[in-house]
C-alpha atoms as a PDB file:
ATOM      1  CA  MET A   1      -8.053  92.802 -22.641  1.00  0.00           C
ATOM      2  CA  GLY A   2      -5.463  89.949 -23.569  1.00  0.00           C
ATOM      3  CA  ILE A   3      -1.739  89.817 -23.301  1.00  0.00           C
ATOM      4  CA  THR A   4      -1.612  90.831 -26.722  1.00  0.00           C
ATOM      5  CA  GLU A   5      -3.441  93.993 -26.848  1.00  0.00           C
ATOM      6  CA  LEU A   6      -1.732  94.904 -23.541  1.00  0.00           C
ATOM      7  CA  PHE A   7       1.514  94.642 -25.750  1.00  0.00           C
ATOM      8  CA  GLN A   8       0.242  96.596 -28.712  1.00  0.00           C
ATOM      9  CA  ASP A   9      -1.039  99.491 -26.593  1.00  0.00           C
ATOM     10  CA  LEU A  10       2.073  99.884 -24.662  1.00  0.00           C
ATOM     11  CA  LYS A  11       4.058 100.254 -28.312  1.00  0.00           C
ATOM     12  CA  ILE A  12       6.137  96.611 -27.897  1.00  0.00           C
ATOM     13  CA  LYS A  13       6.712  94.699 -30.536  1.00  0.00           C
ATOM     14  CA  ILE A  14       5.607  90.864 -30.393  1.00  0.00           C
ATOM     15  CA  VAL A  15       8.548  88.469 -32.130  1.00  0.00           C
ATOM     16  CA  ASN A  16       6.857  85.909 -34.465  1.00  0.00           C
ATOM     17  CA  PRO A  17       7.418  82.422 -32.952  1.00  0.00           C
ATOM     18  CA  ARG A  18       8.631  81.719 -36.641  1.00  0.00           C
ATOM     19  CA  TYR A  19      11.438  84.113 -36.161  1.00  0.00           C
ATOM     20  CA  LEU A  20      12.932  83.081 -32.561  1.00  0.00           C
ATOM     21  CA  PRO A  21      15.888  80.868 -33.784  1.00  0.00           C
ATOM     22  CA  PHE A  22      16.973  83.876 -35.715  1.00  0.00           C
ATOM     23  CA  VAL A  23      16.528  86.328 -32.835  1.00  0.00           C
ATOM     24  CA  ASP A  24      18.657  83.721 -30.722  1.00  0.00           C
ATOM     25  CA  LYS A  25      21.321  83.399 -33.209  1.00  0.00           C
ATOM     26  CA  LEU A  26      21.491  86.922 -33.416  1.00  0.00           C
ATOM     27  CA  LEU A  27      21.744  87.219 -29.727  1.00  0.00           C
ATOM     28  CA  ILE A  28      24.572  84.572 -29.667  1.00  0.00           C
ATOM     29  CA  TRP A  29      26.405  86.307 -32.313  1.00  0.00           C
ATOM     30  CA  GLY A  30      26.171  89.709 -30.422  1.00  0.00           C
ATOM     31  CA  ARG A  31      27.214  88.218 -27.367  1.00  0.00           C
ATOM     32  CA  ARG A  32      30.441  86.421 -28.962  1.00  0.00           C
ATOM     33  CA  ASN A  33      31.439  89.567 -30.822  1.00  0.00           C
ATOM     34  CA  SER A  34      31.559  91.794 -27.861  1.00  0.00           C
ATOM     35  CA  LEU A  35      33.035  90.421 -24.829  1.00  0.00           C
ATOM     36  CA  TRP A  36      33.323  93.088 -21.900  1.00  0.00           C
ATOM     37  CA  LEU A  37      36.514  92.338 -20.097  1.00  0.00           C
ATOM     38  CA  LEU A  38      37.489  92.746 -16.402  1.00  0.00           C
ATOM     39  CA  VAL A  39      41.111  91.846 -15.731  1.00  0.00           C
ATOM     40  CA  LEU A  40      41.744  90.457 -12.167  1.00  0.00           C
ATOM     41  CA  GLY A  41      45.767  90.368 -12.184  1.00  0.00           C
ATOM     42  CA  ILE A  42      47.235  89.088  -9.240  1.00  0.00           C
ATOM     43  CA  LYS A  43      51.244  88.823  -9.408  1.00  0.00           C
ATOM     44  CA  CYS A  44      53.660  89.064 -12.242  1.00  0.00           C
ATOM     45  CA  CYS A  45      51.060  87.245 -14.252  1.00  0.00           C
ATOM     46  CA  THR A  46      49.197  90.166 -15.290  1.00  0.00           C
ATOM     47  CA  ILE A  47      52.065  92.290 -16.965  1.00  0.00           C
ATOM     48  CA  GLU A  48      53.212  89.374 -18.974  1.00  0.00           C
ATOM     49  CA  ASP A  49      49.743  87.801 -19.465  1.00  0.00           C
ATOM     50  CA  LEU A  50      47.152  90.861 -20.018  1.00  0.00           C
ATOM     51  CA  MET A  51      49.086  94.081 -20.675  1.00  0.00           C
ATOM     52  CA  VAL A  52      50.896  92.648 -23.679  1.00  0.00           C
ATOM     53  CA  PRO A  53      47.705  91.621 -25.752  1.00  0.00           C
ATOM     54  CA  GLY A  54      46.239  94.977 -25.386  1.00  0.00           C
ATOM     55  CA  ALA A  55      49.382  96.478 -27.689  1.00  0.00           C
ATOM     56  CA  ALA A  56      49.507  96.922 -31.198  1.00  0.00           C
ATOM     57  CA  ASN A  57      50.738  93.284 -32.088  1.00  0.00           C
ATOM     58  CA  TYR A  58      48.433  91.539 -30.390  1.00  0.00           C
ATOM     59  CA  ASP A  59      45.035  93.728 -30.410  1.00  0.00           C
ATOM     60  CA  PHE A  60      42.204  92.703 -28.044  1.00  0.00           C
ATOM     61  CA  GLU A  61      39.721  95.096 -29.650  1.00  0.00           C
ATOM     62  CA  ARG A  62      39.617  93.168 -33.141  1.00  0.00           C
ATOM     63  CA  PHE A  63      38.243  90.338 -31.314  1.00  0.00           C
ATOM     64  CA  GLY A  64      35.567  92.185 -29.803  1.00  0.00           C
ATOM     65  CA  VAL A  65      37.103  92.220 -26.433  1.00  0.00           C
ATOM     66  CA  LEU A  66      36.990  95.869 -24.383  1.00  0.00           C
ATOM     67  CA  PRO A  67      38.650  96.190 -21.207  1.00  0.00           C
ATOM     68  CA  ARG A  68      35.929  98.097 -18.506  1.00  0.00           C
ATOM     69  CA  ASN A  69      36.290  99.115 -15.292  1.00  0.00           C
ATOM     70  CA  THR A  70      33.279  98.001 -13.308  1.00  0.00           C
ATOM     71  CA  PRO A  71      32.054  94.271 -12.791  1.00  0.00           C
ATOM     72  CA  ARG A  72      28.598  95.365 -13.700  1.00  0.00           C
ATOM     73  CA  GLN A  73      29.417  96.309 -17.195  1.00  0.00           C
ATOM     74  CA  CYS A  74      31.587  93.097 -18.018  1.00  0.00           C
ATOM     75  CA  ASP A  75      30.785  89.626 -19.082  1.00  0.00           C
ATOM     76  CA  LEU A  76      34.525  88.028 -19.412  1.00  0.00           C
ATOM     77  CA  MET A  77      36.657  87.611 -16.615  1.00  0.00           C
ATOM     78  CA  ILE A  78      40.481  86.709 -17.248  1.00  0.00           C
ATOM     79  CA  ILE A  79      42.024  85.642 -14.285  1.00  0.00           C
ATOM     80  CA  SER A  80      45.795  85.415 -13.657  1.00  0.00           C
ATOM     81  CA  GLY A  81      48.114  84.566 -10.612  1.00  0.00           C
ATOM     82  CA  PRO A  82      47.857  82.644  -7.405  1.00  0.00           C
ATOM     83  CA  ILE A  83      44.464  83.303  -5.423  1.00  0.00           C
ATOM     84  CA  THR A  84      45.038  83.438  -1.431  1.00  0.00           C
ATOM     85  CA  GLN A  85      42.131  82.320   0.591  1.00  0.00           C
ATOM     86  CA  LYS A  86      41.989  86.088   1.618  1.00  0.00           C
ATOM     87  CA  LEU A  87      41.050  87.138  -1.985  1.00  0.00           C
ATOM     88  CA  ALA A  88      38.561  84.044  -2.612  1.00  0.00           C
ATOM     89  CA  ARG A  89      35.322  85.699  -1.283  1.00  0.00           C
ATOM     90  CA  PRO A  90      36.133  89.178  -2.830  1.00  0.00           C
ATOM     91  CA  ILE A  91      36.635  87.488  -6.368  1.00  0.00           C
ATOM     92  CA  LYS A  92      33.604  85.413  -6.005  1.00  0.00           C
ATOM     93  CA  VAL A  93      31.650  88.849  -5.208  1.00  0.00           C
ATOM     94  CA  LEU A  94      32.826  90.054  -8.704  1.00  0.00           C
ATOM     95  CA  TYR A  95      31.759  87.048 -10.367  1.00  0.00           C
ATOM     96  CA  GLU A  96      28.329  87.916  -8.825  1.00  0.00           C
ATOM     97  CA  GLN A  97      28.264  91.352  -9.878  1.00  0.00           C
ATOM     98  CA  MET A  98      28.997  90.716 -13.431  1.00  0.00           C
ATOM     99  CA  ALA A  99      26.227  90.837 -15.980  1.00  0.00           C
ATOM    100  CA  GLU A 100      24.561  87.569 -17.186  1.00  0.00           C
ATOM    101  CA  PRO A 101      25.905  85.337 -19.054  1.00  0.00           C
ATOM    102  CA  ARG A 102      29.266  85.656 -17.635  1.00  0.00           C
ATOM    103  CA  TYR A 103      32.394  83.814 -18.593  1.00  0.00           C
ATOM    104  CA  VAL A 104      35.590  83.049 -16.977  1.00  0.00           C
ATOM    105  CA  ILE A 105      39.212  82.139 -18.440  1.00  0.00           C
ATOM    106  CA  ALA A 106      41.715  81.242 -15.961  1.00  0.00           C
ATOM    107  CA  THR A 107      45.403  81.633 -17.585  1.00  0.00           C
ATOM    108  CA  GLY A 108      48.675  80.529 -16.343  1.00  0.00           C
ATOM    109  CA  GLU A 109      49.490  77.528 -13.738  1.00  0.00           C
ATOM    110  CA  CYS A 110      48.677  79.780 -10.137  1.00  0.00           C
ATOM    111  CA  SER A 111      45.309  80.310 -11.211  1.00  0.00           C
ATOM    112  CA  ILE A 112      44.439  76.960 -12.563  1.00  0.00           C
ATOM    113  CA  CYS A 113      45.932  74.673  -9.744  1.00  0.00           C
ATOM    114  CA  GLY A 114      47.855  76.925  -7.762  1.00  0.00           C
ATOM    115  CA  GLY A 115      51.419  76.821  -9.199  1.00  0.00           C
ATOM    116  CA  PRO A 116      54.344  76.554  -6.879  1.00  0.00           C
ATOM    117  CA  TRP A 117      52.156  77.556  -4.189  1.00  0.00           C
ATOM    118  CA  LYS A 118      49.964  74.358  -4.549  1.00  0.00           C
ATOM    119  CA  GLY A 119      49.155  73.042  -1.211  1.00  0.00           C
ATOM    120  CA  MET A 120      50.100  76.114   1.011  1.00  0.00           C
ATOM    121  CA  TYR A 121      47.554  76.736   3.440  1.00  0.00           C
ATOM    122  CA  SER A 122      47.039  80.560   2.221  1.00  0.00           C
ATOM    123  CA  ILE A 123      46.601  79.640  -1.602  1.00  0.00           C
ATOM    124  CA  VAL A 124      43.641  78.236  -2.996  1.00  0.00           C
ATOM    125  CA  ASP A 125      44.277  75.153  -5.554  1.00  0.00           C
ATOM    126  CA  GLY A 126      42.632  76.622  -8.740  1.00  0.00           C
ATOM    127  CA  VAL A 127      39.890  79.209  -9.596  1.00  0.00           C
ATOM    128  CA  ASP A 128      37.477  76.599 -10.287  1.00  0.00           C
ATOM    129  CA  GLN A 129      36.847  76.213  -6.455  1.00  0.00           C
ATOM    130  CA  ILE A 130      35.535  79.582  -6.399  1.00  0.00           C
ATOM    131  CA  ILE A 131      33.788  80.240  -9.378  1.00  0.00           C
ATOM    132  CA  PRO A 132      33.048  78.014 -12.538  1.00  0.00           C
ATOM    133  CA  VAL A 133      35.580  78.417 -15.371  1.00  0.00           C
ATOM    134  CA  ASP A 134      35.108  77.916 -19.263  1.00  0.00           C
ATOM    135  CA  VAL A 135      38.678  78.280 -20.682  1.00  0.00           C
ATOM    136  CA  TYR A 136      41.941  76.959 -19.073  1.00  0.00           C
ATOM    137  CA  ILE A 137      45.178  78.625 -20.558  1.00  0.00           C
ATOM    138  CA  PRO A 138      48.343  76.794 -19.140  1.00  0.00           C
ATOM    139  CA  GLY A 139      51.888  78.151 -18.979  1.00  0.00           C
ATOM    140  CA  CYS A 140      53.909  80.140 -16.467  1.00  0.00           C
ATOM    141  CA  PRO A 141      53.221  82.815 -17.906  1.00  0.00           C
ATOM    142  CA  PRO A 142      51.278  81.927 -21.271  1.00  0.00           C
ATOM    143  CA  LYS A 143      51.893  83.640 -24.309  1.00  0.00           C
ATOM    144  CA  PRO A 144      49.910  86.310 -25.767  1.00  0.00           C
ATOM    145  CA  GLU A 145      48.799  83.926 -28.706  1.00  0.00           C
ATOM    146  CA  ALA A 146      47.937  81.187 -25.984  1.00  0.00           C
ATOM    147  CA  LEU A 147      45.692  84.033 -24.565  1.00  0.00           C
ATOM    148  CA  LEU A 148      44.298  85.063 -27.999  1.00  0.00           C
ATOM    149  CA  GLU A 149      43.590  81.422 -28.501  1.00  0.00           C
ATOM    150  CA  GLY A 150      41.708  80.768 -25.563  1.00  0.00           C
ATOM    151  CA  ILE A 151      39.513  84.160 -26.205  1.00  0.00           C
ATOM    152  CA  ILE A 152      38.536  82.414 -29.992  1.00  0.00           C
ATOM    153  CA  LYS A 153      37.885  78.983 -28.599  1.00  0.00           C
ATOM    154  CA  LEU A 154      35.446  80.915 -25.873  1.00  0.00           C
ATOM    155  CA  GLU A 155      33.940  82.661 -28.915  1.00  0.00           C
ATOM    156  CA  GLU A 156      33.516  79.290 -30.492  1.00  0.00           C
ATOM    157  CA  LYS A 157      31.944  77.859 -26.990  1.00  0.00           C
ATOM    158  CA  ILE A 158      29.538  80.663 -27.175  1.00  0.00           C
ATOM    159  CA  LEU A 159      28.640  80.315 -30.727  1.00  0.00           C
ATOM    160  CA  LYS A 160      28.038  76.630 -30.339  1.00  0.00           C
ATOM    161  CA  GLY A 161      25.768  77.191 -27.221  1.00  0.00           C
ATOM    162  CA  GLU A 162      28.136  75.182 -24.681  1.00  0.00           C
ATOM    163  CA  VAL A 163      28.668  78.033 -22.353  1.00  0.00           C
ATOM    164  CA  ARG A 164      25.047  78.218 -21.630  1.00  0.00           C
ATOM    165  CA  LYS A 165      24.791  74.675 -20.094  1.00  0.00           C
ATOM    166  CA  LYS A 166      26.465  75.327 -17.203  1.00  0.00           C
ATOM    167  CA  PHE A 167      23.579  77.781 -16.388  1.00  0.00           C
ATOM    168  CA  LEU A 168      20.892  75.314 -16.821  1.00  0.00           C
ATOM    169  CA  PRO A 169      19.640  73.063 -14.024  1.00  0.00           C
ATOM    170  CA  LYS A 170      21.412  69.838 -13.449  1.00  0.00           C
ATOM    171  CA  THR A 171      18.047  67.761 -13.549  1.00  0.00           C
ATOM    172  CA  GLY A 172      16.523  69.121 -16.053  1.00  0.00           C
ATOM    173  CA  ILE A 173      13.657  71.441 -16.626  1.00  0.00           C
ATOM    174  CA  PRO A 174      12.269  72.545 -12.769  1.00  0.00           C
ATOM    175  CA  LYS A 175       8.559  71.430 -12.149  1.00  0.00           C
ATOM    176  CA  ILE A 176       6.414  74.122 -10.826  1.00  0.00           C
ATOM    177  CA  LYS A 177       4.335  72.909  -7.743  1.00  0.00           C
ATOM    178  CA  GLU A 178       0.684  72.474  -8.472  1.00  0.00           C
ATOM    179  CA  ASP A 179      -0.006  74.573  -5.062  1.00  0.00           C
ATOM    180  CA  TRP A 180       3.022  76.951  -4.703  1.00  0.00           C
ATOM    181  CA  ARG A 181       2.136  77.889  -1.008  1.00  0.00           C
ATOM    182  CA  SER A 182       3.221  74.257  -0.093  1.00  0.00           C
END
């Protein structure tokens, strides 16, 4: 029994290879327009940076960004505020628990480079030393318009496929060994 007969027995439809580019574009469009948000606010930046855009004047939901409660449902993490050495490991764990593909936006000087606490023994000099960041939004704190512009930039990156590049291996396509036991 071939694989196609097995799929037909299980009532699984096989996509015609001619339609794969269309299916790929449809998936990218869906990812772009349905970002589920995990807010990681550490200090005062959270109120000014992440709570104002959820209000009526700067509505996140018209861009398809919905806040969620658990990292396993989210694919977008917005980080604002300084990150301490103690908080670095939990941020990495939250990032690893997020659904693939996952995106990160760093907002404010504190999360981008450490802010006024840069160089202190207990502060990480930028969240990009812990997890990969897709979009940086400078400011102290950044305006809600800047955050919305950052989300639009991320959506454009998703649409162009630029965000996918960080998940690909740096050396090209990995080669499979002929003898898998060695």
